[in-house]
Amino acid sequence: MKYLESDIAHENGKFWVLKLPKDKGFQVYESGITHSTLRDTIGFPGQEGLDKAIEKCDKRARNAAETQVLPGQKSHSPF
């Protein structure tokens, strides 16, 4: 399926919301180096679906920002 930039309903950092055709809802993606990865699907059309998708997108962006390890910082990971 081919999507256009105009199909992007919301962006927050490296996460973004795609409006699906024919009122099938929305999908939340995470941008990567070579492609974007599907993270959530919201099956509600219209404003209700968009609100839910934006909420999930923004939550993922907040979580990613909170868990990001910057150069010089130590990771809390046991690995």
Protein backbone atom coordinates (compact mmCIF):
# COMPACT_ATOMS: atom_id res chain seq x y z
CA MET A 1 0.00 0.00 0.00
CA LYS A 2 1.27 3.46 -0.86
CA TYR A 3 0.86 6.31 1.62
CA LEU A 4 1.44 10.02 1.24
CA GLU A 5 2.95 12.51 3.64
CA SER A 6 -0.52 14.02 3.93
CA ASP A 7 -1.67 10.71 5.53
CA ILE A 8 0.46 11.50 8.61
CA ALA A 9 -1.96 12.75 11.25
CA HIS A 10 0.49 13.45 14.10
CA GLU A 11 4.23 13.35 14.87
CA ASN A 12 6.14 13.38 18.15
CA GLY A 13 9.90 12.84 17.95
CA LYS A 14 10.54 9.56 16.17
CA PHE A 15 6.93 8.36 16.53
CA TRP A 16 4.13 9.22 14.13
CA VAL A 17 0.47 8.40 13.40
CA LEU A 18 -0.77 7.19 10.01
CA LYS A 19 -4.42 7.65 9.03
CA LEU A 20 -5.58 4.47 7.30
CA PRO A 21 -7.81 4.69 4.21
CA LYS A 22 -11.56 4.11 4.22
CA ASP A 23 -12.02 4.94 7.92
CA LYS A 24 -10.17 1.81 9.03
CA GLY A 25 -8.51 3.66 11.90
CA PHE A 26 -4.93 4.65 12.61
CA GLN A 27 -1.49 3.14 13.12
CA VAL A 28 1.44 4.34 15.25
CA TYR A 29 4.94 3.91 13.80
CA GLU A 30 8.47 4.40 15.11
CA SER A 31 10.96 5.91 12.65
CA GLY A 32 14.21 4.02 12.20
CA ILE A 33 17.35 4.44 10.13
CA THR A 34 16.04 2.61 7.05
CA HIS A 35 12.31 2.22 7.68
CA SER A 36 9.52 2.77 10.18
CA THR A 37 8.22 -0.02 12.41
CA LEU A 38 4.55 -0.51 13.26
CA ARG A 39 4.03 -0.19 17.03
CA ASP A 40 0.24 0.11 17.54
CA THR A 41 -2.99 -0.22 15.56
CA ILE A 42 -6.11 1.68 16.58
CA GLY A 43 -9.28 0.36 14.96
CA PHE A 44 -11.50 3.32 15.80
CA PRO A 45 -12.19 5.75 12.93
CA GLY A 46 -12.73 9.50 13.20
CA GLN A 47 -11.82 11.79 16.06
CA GLU A 48 -12.10 9.04 18.69
CA GLY A 49 -9.51 6.95 16.87
CA LEU A 50 -7.24 9.92 16.26
CA ASP A 51 -7.35 10.89 19.94
CA LYS A 52 -6.43 7.32 20.97
CA ALA A 53 -3.63 7.17 18.39
CA ILE A 54 -2.17 10.50 19.49
CA GLU A 55 -2.30 9.37 23.12
CA LYS A 56 -0.39 6.15 22.28
CA CYS A 57 2.10 8.02 20.07
CA ASP A 58 2.84 10.64 22.72
CA LYS A 59 3.14 7.99 25.45
CA ARG A 60 5.69 6.06 23.40
CA ALA A 61 7.64 9.27 22.73
CA ARG A 62 7.69 10.13 26.47
CA ASN A 63 8.81 6.61 27.40
CA ALA A 64 11.56 6.66 24.76
CA ALA A 65 12.82 10.02 26.02
CA GLU A 66 12.83 8.82 29.64
CA THR A 67 14.75 5.64 28.88
CA GLN A 68 17.27 7.13 26.44
CA VAL A 69 20.89 6.65 27.52
CA LEU A 70 23.02 9.62 26.49
CA PRO A 71 26.75 9.38 25.68
CA GLY A 72 28.72 9.30 28.93
CA GLN A 73 25.80 7.98 30.98
CA LYS A 74 25.75 4.51 32.44
CA SER A 75 22.91 2.22 31.50
CA HIS A 76 20.96 0.63 34.33
CA SER A 77 20.66 -2.54 32.30
CA PRO A 78 22.11 -5.67 33.96
CA PHE A 79 23.49 -6.78 30.56
